[in-house]
Protein backbone atom coordinates (compact mmCIF):
# COMPACT_ATOMS: atom_id res chain seq x y z
CA UNK A 1 7.09 -18.04 3.65
CA UNK A 2 9.09 -18.74 0.56
CA UNK A 3 12.35 -16.56 -0.06
CA UNK A 4 11.02 -15.32 -2.96
CA UNK A 5 7.92 -13.69 -1.12
CA UNK A 6 10.13 -12.81 2.17
CA UNK A 7 12.80 -11.02 -0.71
CA UNK A 8 9.54 -9.45 -1.80
CA UNK A 9 8.20 -8.27 1.50
CA UNK A 10 11.87 -6.71 2.47
CA UNK A 11 11.72 -4.90 -1.11
CA UNK A 12 8.63 -3.54 0.08
CA UNK A 13 8.84 0.08 1.58
CA UNK A 14 5.73 1.07 3.23
CA UNK A 15 5.59 4.71 3.54
CA UNK A 16 8.11 5.21 0.57
CA UNK A 17 8.26 4.25 -2.73
CA UNK A 18 9.65 1.23 -3.65
CA UNK A 19 12.59 0.88 -6.05
CA UNK A 20 12.59 -2.58 -6.56
CA UNK A 21 11.81 -4.24 -10.43
CA UNK A 22 12.50 -0.67 -12.51
CA UNK A 23 13.64 2.11 -12.45
CA UNK A 24 12.57 4.59 -14.93
CA UNK A 25 9.53 5.78 -13.28
CA UNK A 26 10.67 6.95 -9.94
CA UNK A 27 12.95 9.60 -11.65
CA UNK A 28 9.84 11.91 -11.46
CA UNK A 29 8.46 11.00 -7.79
CA UNK A 30 8.38 14.07 -5.30
CA UNK A 31 11.61 14.40 -3.48
CA UNK A 32 14.14 13.75 -6.13
CA UNK A 33 14.77 17.29 -7.08
CA UNK A 34 15.36 16.82 -10.86
CA UNK A 35 11.81 17.69 -12.33
CA UNK A 36 12.42 21.53 -13.00
CA UNK A 37 16.24 20.75 -14.46
CA UNK A 38 14.56 17.94 -16.91
CA UNK A 39 11.67 20.24 -17.78
CA UNK A 40 14.37 23.04 -18.58
CA UNK A 41 16.48 20.76 -20.46
CA UNK A 42 13.10 19.58 -22.43
CA UNK A 43 12.55 22.81 -23.10
CA UNK A 44 15.83 23.59 -24.09
CA UNK A 45 15.72 20.46 -26.77
CA UNK A 46 11.76 21.33 -27.99
CA UNK A 47 13.29 25.23 -28.93
CA UNK A 48 16.66 23.59 -30.90
CA UNK A 49 14.09 20.65 -32.37
CA UNK A 50 11.77 23.40 -33.38
CA UNK A 51 14.79 25.25 -35.42
CA UNK A 52 15.95 22.50 -37.26
CA UNK A 53 11.98 21.33 -38.17
CA UNK A 54 11.55 24.85 -39.63
CA UNK A 55 15.24 24.89 -41.60
CA UNK A 56 14.73 21.46 -42.99
CA UNK A 57 10.56 22.83 -43.69
CA UNK A 58 12.37 25.63 -45.92
CA UNK A 59 15.03 23.25 -47.35
CA UNK A 60 12.56 20.81 -48.31
CA UNK A 61 10.56 23.38 -49.63
CA UNK A 62 13.25 25.03 -51.88
CA UNK A 63 15.81 22.15 -52.72
CA UNK A 64 14.53 19.79 -55.21
CA UNK A 65 16.75 16.42 -55.49
CA UNK A 66 16.75 14.42 -58.52
CA UNK A 67 18.26 11.10 -59.67
CA UNK A 68 19.34 8.15 -57.37
CA UNK A 69 19.37 10.32 -54.07
CA UNK A 70 15.68 10.86 -54.58
CA UNK A 71 15.34 7.52 -53.30
CA UNK A 72 17.39 8.14 -50.29
CA UNK A 73 15.39 11.58 -49.23
CA UNK A 74 12.29 9.32 -49.94
CA UNK A 75 13.20 6.57 -47.26
CA UNK A 76 14.94 9.23 -44.76
CA UNK A 77 12.13 11.48 -44.68
CA UNK A 78 9.62 8.62 -44.44
CA UNK A 79 6.88 9.80 -47.23
CA UNK A 80 6.24 5.92 -47.18
CA UNK A 81 4.22 6.66 -44.15
CA UNK A 82 1.01 8.75 -44.13
CA UNK A 83 2.18 12.36 -42.95
CA UNK A 84 0.51 12.40 -39.29
CA UNK A 85 2.48 8.79 -38.48
CA UNK A 86 6.02 10.66 -40.27
CA UNK A 87 6.93 12.15 -36.61
CA UNK A 88 6.31 8.92 -33.98
CA UNK A 89 9.78 7.12 -35.37
CA UNK A 90 11.23 10.22 -34.63
CA UNK A 91 9.40 11.31 -31.85
CA UNK A 92 10.16 7.28 -30.21
CA UNK A 93 13.86 7.60 -31.01
CA UNK A 94 14.78 11.05 -29.77
CA UNK A 95 12.82 10.09 -26.32
CA UNK A 96 15.01 7.09 -25.31
CA UNK A 97 18.12 9.00 -26.49
CA UNK A 98 17.47 11.80 -24.36
CA UNK A 99 16.75 9.64 -21.21
CA UNK A 100 19.72 7.16 -22.02
CA UNK A 101 22.14 10.49 -22.85
CA UNK A 102 20.83 12.32 -19.18
CA UNK A 103 21.54 9.25 -17.16
CA UNK A 104 24.84 8.09 -18.05
CA UNK A 105 25.87 11.71 -18.56
CA UNK A 106 24.91 12.33 -14.77
CA UNK A 107 26.25 8.95 -13.95
CA UNK A 108 29.57 9.83 -15.37
CA UNK A 109 30.07 13.48 -14.08
CA UNK A 110 29.24 12.06 -10.57
CA UNK A 111 31.77 9.04 -10.96
CA UNK A 112 34.95 10.97 -10.45
CA UNK A 113 32.89 12.01 -6.67
CA UNK A 114 33.00 8.28 -5.47
CA UNK A 115 28.85 7.85 -6.18
CA UNK A 116 28.01 4.31 -4.71
CA UNK A 117 27.31 2.22 -7.57
CA UNK A 118 23.97 1.10 -8.79
CA UNK A 119 21.29 2.67 -10.30
CA UNK A 120 21.00 6.13 -10.36
CA UNK A 121 17.90 7.04 -9.06
CA UNK A 122 18.70 5.03 -5.88
CA UNK A 123 21.76 7.09 -5.01
CA UNK A 124 19.37 10.06 -5.46
CA UNK A 125 16.56 8.86 -3.74
CA UNK A 126 19.08 8.28 -0.69
CA UNK A 127 20.76 11.49 -0.39
CA UNK A 128 17.58 13.42 -1.64
CA UNK A 129 14.54 11.61 -0.75
CA UNK A 130 15.64 10.22 2.38
CA UNK A 131 17.23 13.09 3.64
CA UNK A 132 13.68 14.59 3.98
CA UNK A 133 12.83 12.12 6.45
CA UNK A 134 12.01 12.52 10.53
CA UNK A 135 14.93 12.83 12.67
CA UNK A 136 15.02 9.24 14.48
CA UNK A 137 17.01 8.63 17.76
CA UNK A 138 16.86 4.92 18.01
CA UNK A 139 18.97 3.70 21.95
CA UNK A 140 19.35 -0.39 22.45
CA UNK A 141 22.00 -2.21 21.71
CA UNK A 142 22.34 -6.15 20.53
CA UNK A 143 20.13 -7.38 17.73
CA UNK A 144 17.21 -6.01 18.39
CA UNK A 145 18.68 -2.41 17.81
CA UNK A 146 20.30 -3.99 14.54
CA UNK A 147 16.98 -5.20 13.08
CA UNK A 148 15.47 -1.58 13.61
CA UNK A 149 17.85 0.46 11.91
CA UNK A 150 18.13 -2.07 8.95
CA UNK A 151 14.55 -1.18 8.68
CA UNK A 152 14.09 2.42 9.42
CA UNK A 153 17.02 3.11 7.10
CA UNK A 154 14.68 2.62 4.33
CA UNK A 155 12.36 5.30 5.74
CA UNK A 156 14.57 8.29 6.53
CA UNK A 157 18.49 8.48 6.76
CA UNK A 158 18.19 10.70 10.04
CA UNK A 159 19.23 8.09 11.90
CA UNK A 160 21.18 8.38 15.41
CA UNK A 161 21.83 4.82 17.07
CA UNK A 162 22.70 5.27 21.00
CA UNK A 163 24.55 2.03 21.58
CA UNK A 164 25.49 0.83 25.10
CA UNK A 165 29.25 0.16 26.08
CA UNK A 166 28.44 -2.21 28.78
CA UNK A 167 29.70 -5.57 26.68
CA UNK A 168 32.26 -7.07 28.63
CA UNK A 169 32.21 -10.68 26.47
CA UNK A 170 33.85 -11.94 23.45
CA UNK A 171 36.05 -9.66 21.16
CA UNK A 172 34.50 -6.67 22.60
CA UNK A 173 35.72 -7.70 26.29
CA UNK A 174 39.25 -8.58 24.97
CA UNK A 175 39.93 -5.43 23.42
CA UNK A 176 38.43 -3.48 26.40
CA UNK A 177 40.76 -5.11 28.96
CA UNK A 178 43.73 -5.10 26.71
CA UNK A 179 43.07 -1.43 25.40
CA UNK A 180 40.75 0.43 27.94
CA UNK A 181 38.24 1.82 25.52
CA UNK A 182 34.98 1.28 25.22
CA UNK A 183 32.80 -2.33 24.00
CA UNK A 184 32.73 -1.75 20.31
CA UNK A 185 30.62 -5.09 19.37
CA UNK A 186 27.15 -3.89 19.13
CA UNK A 187 28.28 -0.63 17.66
CA UNK A 188 29.88 -2.70 14.88
CA UNK A 189 26.70 -4.32 14.51
CA UNK A 190 24.44 -1.49 13.94
CA UNK A 191 27.45 0.19 11.60
CA UNK A 192 26.72 -2.38 9.38
CA UNK A 193 22.98 -2.31 9.58
CA UNK A 194 23.39 0.96 8.45
CA UNK A 195 25.73 0.38 5.38
CA UNK A 196 24.19 1.29 1.96
CA UNK A 197 26.26 -2.26 0.86
CA UNK A 198 24.78 -4.05 3.72
CA UNK A 199 24.78 -7.39 2.90
CA UNK A 200 29.04 -7.39 1.71
CA UNK A 201 29.93 -4.69 4.86
CA UNK A 202 27.99 -7.29 7.47
CA UNK A 203 30.48 -10.15 6.02
CA UNK A 204 33.64 -7.87 5.87
CA UNK A 205 32.79 -6.15 9.77
CA UNK A 206 31.27 -9.48 11.04
CA UNK A 207 34.57 -11.96 9.87
CA UNK A 208 36.06 -13.41 13.19
CA UNK A 209 39.81 -14.38 12.78
CA UNK A 210 40.11 -18.10 13.23
CA UNK A 211 41.20 -19.07 16.82
CA UNK A 212 44.44 -20.38 17.63
CA UNK A 213 46.38 -20.57 14.38
CA UNK A 214 49.94 -19.40 13.28
CA UNK A 215 48.43 -16.87 10.97
CA UNK A 216 45.96 -15.38 13.07
CA UNK A 217 48.28 -15.21 16.44
CA UNK A 218 47.50 -12.52 18.50
CA UNK A 219 43.68 -11.98 16.10
CA UNK A 220 42.14 -15.52 16.88
CA UNK A 221 38.20 -14.50 18.06
CA UNK A 222 38.56 -10.83 17.15
CA UNK A 223 36.00 -9.40 14.59
CA UNK A 224 37.34 -7.02 11.87
CA UNK A 225 34.53 -4.67 12.71
CA UNK A 226 35.94 -4.18 16.09
CA UNK A 227 39.85 -4.06 14.96
CA UNK A 228 38.65 -1.75 12.38
CA UNK A 229 37.01 1.03 15.22
CA UNK A 230 39.86 0.20 17.90
CA UNK A 231 42.47 1.15 15.08
CA UNK A 232 40.59 4.20 14.15
CA UNK A 233 40.10 5.26 18.19
CA UNK A 234 43.94 5.00 18.13
CA UNK A 235 44.36 6.84 15.20
CA UNK A 236 42.55 9.80 16.29
CA UNK A 237 43.19 9.03 20.09
CA UNK A 238 39.92 9.53 21.02
CA UNK A 239 37.42 6.96 21.72
CA UNK A 240 34.60 9.20 20.04
CA UNK A 241 36.22 10.62 17.61
CA UNK A 242 36.94 6.85 16.51
CA UNK A 243 33.58 6.01 15.89
CA UNK A 244 32.58 9.62 14.37
CA UNK A 245 35.14 8.86 11.57
CA UNK A 246 34.48 4.84 11.32
CA UNK A 247 30.87 6.31 10.77
CA UNK A 248 32.61 8.42 7.83
CA UNK A 249 34.82 5.89 6.23
CA UNK A 250 32.07 3.07 5.80
CA UNK A 251 29.01 5.58 4.42
CA UNK A 252 26.36 4.77 7.08
CA UNK A 253 23.02 6.22 6.51
CA UNK A 254 22.62 8.33 9.60
CA UNK A 255 24.83 7.83 12.84
CA UNK A 256 26.19 5.33 15.25
CA UNK A 257 27.00 6.77 18.55
CA UNK A 258 28.20 5.38 21.92
CA UNK A 259 25.57 6.32 25.11
CA UNK A 260 29.14 7.52 27.01
CA UNK A 261 33.04 7.77 25.85
CA UNK A 262 34.24 5.51 28.47
CA UNK A 263 33.58 1.83 29.12
CA UNK A 264 30.37 1.28 31.71
CA UNK A 265 30.52 -2.08 34.29
CA UNK A 266 26.83 -2.98 34.62
CA UNK A 267 25.59 -4.49 38.36
CA UNK A 268 23.06 -6.23 39.24
CA UNK A 269 20.88 -7.44 42.24
CA UNK A 270 18.56 -10.49 42.57
CA UNK A 271 15.61 -10.56 44.65
CA UNK A 272 16.81 -12.68 46.95
CA UNK A 273 20.15 -10.03 47.41
CA UNK A 274 22.97 -11.65 45.52
CA UNK A 275 25.10 -9.14 43.41
CA UNK A 276 26.68 -9.63 40.13
CA UNK A 277 29.05 -7.89 38.03
CA UNK A 278 29.04 -8.05 34.24
CA UNK A 279 27.07 -7.59 31.63
CA UNK A 280 27.94 -11.12 29.93
CA UNK A 281 26.93 -12.71 33.55
CA UNK A 282 23.90 -10.75 33.67
CA UNK A 283 22.35 -11.54 30.58
CA UNK A 284 21.79 -15.21 31.64
CA UNK A 285 20.98 -14.13 35.70
CA UNK A 286 17.10 -15.01 36.46
CA UNK A 287 15.41 -12.92 39.05
CA UNK A 288 17.23 -9.67 38.22
CA UNK A 289 15.56 -6.34 40.63
CA UNK A 290 17.85 -3.79 40.14
CA UNK A 291 20.62 -2.89 37.92
CA UNK A 292 23.30 -0.02 38.20
CA UNK A 293 25.86 1.23 35.91
CA UNK A 294 29.59 2.41 37.34
CA UNK A 295 31.15 5.00 37.22
CA UNK A 296 28.03 6.45 38.48
CA UNK A 297 28.80 9.93 37.20
CA UNK A 298 29.56 8.93 33.64
CA UNK A 299 28.86 11.47 31.51
CA UNK A 300 26.97 10.71 27.93
CA UNK A 301 28.59 11.69 24.77
CA UNK A 302 27.70 15.27 22.82
CA UNK A 303 26.37 13.27 19.57
CA UNK A 304 23.78 11.59 21.88
CA UNK A 305 21.96 14.80 23.37
CA UNK A 306 22.23 17.04 20.76
CA UNK A 307 20.61 14.17 18.61
CA UNK A 308 17.93 13.63 21.40
CA UNK A 309 17.15 17.30 21.47
CA UNK A 310 16.65 17.23 17.98
CA UNK A 311 14.66 14.20 17.43
CA UNK A 312 11.31 13.99 15.92
CA UNK A 313 10.78 10.52 17.19
CA UNK A 314 12.71 8.35 20.09
CA UNK A 315 12.41 4.64 19.85
CA UNK A 316 13.51 2.68 22.85
CA UNK A 317 14.70 -0.84 22.37
CA UNK A 318 14.08 -3.26 20.89
CA UNK A 319 16.49 -5.34 23.04
CA UNK A 320 17.65 -7.20 25.97
CA UNK A 321 15.97 -5.36 28.73
CA UNK A 322 18.63 -5.23 31.43
CA UNK A 323 21.55 -5.55 29.54
CA UNK A 324 21.41 -4.05 26.24
CA UNK A 325 18.60 -0.66 26.70
CA UNK A 326 18.45 0.08 30.64
CA UNK A 327 22.07 0.75 30.69
CA UNK A 328 21.86 3.48 28.18
CA UNK A 329 18.96 5.17 30.31
CA UNK A 330 20.87 4.66 33.62
CA UNK A 331 23.42 7.50 32.12
CA UNK A 332 21.67 10.85 34.05
CA UNK A 333 22.00 12.94 31.37
CA UNK A 334 20.22 10.41 28.64
CA UNK A 335 17.71 9.72 30.78
CA UNK A 336 16.98 13.66 31.78
CA UNK A 337 16.89 14.45 27.93
CA UNK A 338 14.39 11.70 26.86
CA UNK A 339 12.27 12.58 30.16
CA UNK A 340 12.75 16.53 28.09
CA UNK A 341 11.96 15.52 24.95
CA UNK A 342 9.35 16.78 22.68
CA UNK A 343 9.47 14.35 20.50
CA UNK A 344 7.17 10.93 19.95
CA UNK A 345 8.27 8.55 22.99
CA UNK A 346 7.81 4.71 21.75
CA UNK A 347 8.65 1.90 23.70
CA UNK A 348 9.39 -1.40 21.67
CA UNK A 349 8.60 -4.36 23.53
CA UNK A 350 10.62 -7.87 22.76
CA UNK A 351 8.78 -10.10 21.16
CA UNK A 352 10.41 -13.30 23.20
CA UNK A 353 11.11 -13.48 26.49
CA UNK A 354 15.44 -13.59 27.32
CA UNK A 355 16.12 -16.74 29.06
CA UNK A 356 18.14 -16.20 32.22
CA UNK A 357 17.47 -11.91 32.62
CA UNK A 358 13.60 -12.15 31.86
CA UNK A 359 12.19 -15.27 31.85
CA UNK A 360 8.70 -14.84 33.02
CA UNK A 361 8.10 -11.74 31.80
CA UNK A 362 5.30 -10.03 30.08
CA UNK A 363 4.55 -6.51 29.00
CA UNK A 364 3.60 -5.35 32.12
CA UNK A 365 6.84 -6.85 34.19
CA UNK A 366 8.81 -4.83 30.97
CA UNK A 367 7.22 -1.82 31.32
CA UNK A 368 7.43 -1.97 35.45
CA UNK A 369 11.28 -2.43 35.11
CA UNK A 370 11.84 1.01 32.74
CA UNK A 371 9.83 2.51 35.36
CA UNK A 372 11.62 1.34 38.39
CA UNK A 373 15.36 2.26 36.34
CA UNK A 374 14.27 5.26 34.10
CA UNK A 375 11.42 7.03 36.13
CA UNK A 376 7.54 7.38 34.64
CA UNK A 377 6.61 9.55 32.17
CA UNK A 378 9.62 8.85 29.87
CA UNK A 379 7.48 6.63 27.03
CA UNK A 380 4.25 8.45 24.94
CA UNK A 381 3.42 4.76 23.62
CA UNK A 382 4.26 1.15 23.60
CA UNK A 383 4.49 -0.98 20.40
CA UNK A 384 3.55 -4.55 21.08
CA UNK A 385 3.82 -7.62 18.55
CA UNK A 386 0.01 -9.52 18.33
CA UNK A 387 1.23 -12.45 16.28
CA UNK A 388 2.05 -15.18 18.27
CA UNK A 389 1.64 -17.76 15.34
CA UNK A 390 5.25 -17.17 14.39
CA UNK A 391 7.92 -20.28 14.16
CA UNK A 392 9.28 -20.98 17.49
CA UNK A 393 13.25 -22.00 17.25
CA UNK A 394 13.30 -25.64 18.55
CA UNK A 395 15.28 -26.00 21.71
CA UNK A 396 14.79 -22.74 22.68
CA UNK A 397 13.25 -22.19 26.11
CA UNK A 398 11.69 -18.60 25.21
CA UNK A 399 8.38 -17.88 25.19
CA UNK A 400 6.13 -14.89 23.33
CA UNK A 401 6.05 -11.84 25.48
CA UNK A 402 2.21 -12.11 26.66
CA UNK A 403 0.04 -8.91 25.91
CA UNK A 404 -0.60 -8.75 29.91
CA UNK A 405 -0.67 -5.09 30.54
CA UNK A 406 -3.62 -2.30 30.57
CA UNK A 407 -2.73 1.12 29.77
CA UNK A 408 -4.03 4.17 32.34
CA UNK A 409 -5.22 7.06 31.29
CA UNK A 410 -2.31 9.04 32.77
CA UNK A 411 0.69 6.96 30.62
CA UNK A 412 1.34 5.42 27.97
CA UNK A 413 -1.38 4.35 25.03
CA UNK A 414 -0.56 0.83 23.72
CA UNK A 415 -0.32 0.06 19.73
CA UNK A 416 -0.17 -3.54 19.10
CA UNK A 417 0.70 -4.69 15.47
CA UNK A 418 2.07 -7.65 13.74
CA UNK A 419 6.01 -7.45 13.94
CA UNK A 420 7.15 -10.80 14.25
CA UNK A 421 9.36 -12.77 11.75
CA UNK A 422 7.41 -15.45 10.49
CA UNK A 423 10.06 -17.67 10.47
CA UNK A 424 11.39 -16.89 13.56
CA UNK A 425 8.88 -16.14 16.61
CA UNK A 426 12.14 -14.93 18.76
CA UNK A 427 12.79 -12.02 15.84
CA UNK A 428 11.42 -8.71 14.89
CA UNK A 429 11.14 -8.35 11.03
CA UNK A 430 12.71 -5.27 10.62
CA UNK A 431 10.26 -4.13 7.15
CA UNK A 432 7.30 -4.61 9.35
CA UNK A 433 8.34 -3.31 12.57
CA UNK A 434 10.08 -0.23 10.68
CA UNK A 435 6.43 0.30 8.87
CA UNK A 436 4.66 0.23 11.94
CA UNK A 437 6.51 2.66 13.88
CA UNK A 438 6.55 5.01 11.27
CA UNK A 439 2.85 4.53 10.69
CA UNK A 440 2.61 5.23 14.28
CA UNK A 441 5.02 8.57 13.92
CA UNK A 442 2.97 9.83 11.42
CA UNK A 443 -0.11 9.58 12.87
CA UNK A 444 0.92 11.15 16.22
CA UNK A 445 2.73 14.25 14.46
CA UNK A 446 0.37 15.34 11.49
CA UNK A 447 -0.08 18.81 13.63
CA UNK A 448 3.04 19.32 13.30
CA UNK A 449 5.44 19.30 9.87
CA UNK A 450 7.91 16.93 9.71
CA UNK A 451 9.60 16.71 6.49
CA UNK A 452 12.31 18.86 5.72
CA UNK A 453 13.74 20.92 2.41
CA UNK A 454 16.98 19.04 2.42
CA UNK A 455 20.04 21.12 1.89
CA UNK A 456 21.54 21.90 -1.96
CA UNK A 457 24.51 21.65 -0.28
């Protein structure tokens, strides 16, 4: 697929209008909230125009211009055009001047309040239209969750990303050991994915200081985003509040919250009885039978429970089964809240197995692991990929997740769609995945209203 085609696909917003390639017509689309005021302005302008027209007509009748000024008046009043066509130039010029004036006036008035740069209609679209979208809770971690969020933010800004805090490798692991705070690598990735200025914000938050240089002594290997969240947590003297303030400072659509306020340690037992500790080790471990976290009595964060209780749609995955998705569901309060929720609950199956922890797994094995750890009845619908023709990266032993599971009467429904990245068979396509999820959600929630009137505040 060519780059223009990929760019066009990324720009599309199934389920909502696209803002690519022109902006004028979107001022009048539903949900923006400006039509009533534009209508009032037009009525006022029309009244002023009629008053001016009556005045000019009276002056034109009573005042006779002679001499050199007569030619000027002849040109200015367009008397060289047929009588019926004289209003057209003024009409076109008036409309253009009105539209340009209103847009620039609004931009000038909003500029001191920190409105993001870019077309004003995109700002209003985000604040008004997306604010009416469904309340979505996405639970997971790793690359899969950030890919999902990148697509979902084009459909709704009411997103809560619940991220695991069991990571113990890389920069997150170092800060976890040195500062005793929960790992923030997945939190950083999700904040970058939900940021308005995503490409630039991603580059900033993902920047890693070079290893073993005099200039970066003590910072080598650390991602800037991890240091930012760690600094914010130190300023607030609380990890939860630090993450909360990081969401505000970086102006994300929705919020990213840790599943627990303290770091978790992931443990695994294999089929041969061997026990292994640590997320970074378990990610490469084949033959996993069961995983658990410590401390076993850990409490979920308040934002997580509130978001699940208010959710319209709960999405589990995609992401590494044992090291990204299950650690959050192993927190009793999170598992119980999802089980008790009346929202549409969907499990997004991975498009490929993961060398080590899910080697040789089909869809049935993934679902069996979730049921074994979190109990039955947690999922209403399963979304799986049915496009097995995507390009596979060379040298990677991962395989497409086979559709070897058949739904039963009392179990979740299976929905299959093309949700894979055509250029990488091991990754979801964020736009296709979000479009499939939103279409599925709308189909299953027609009996109850989803869109809500945004607050005037």
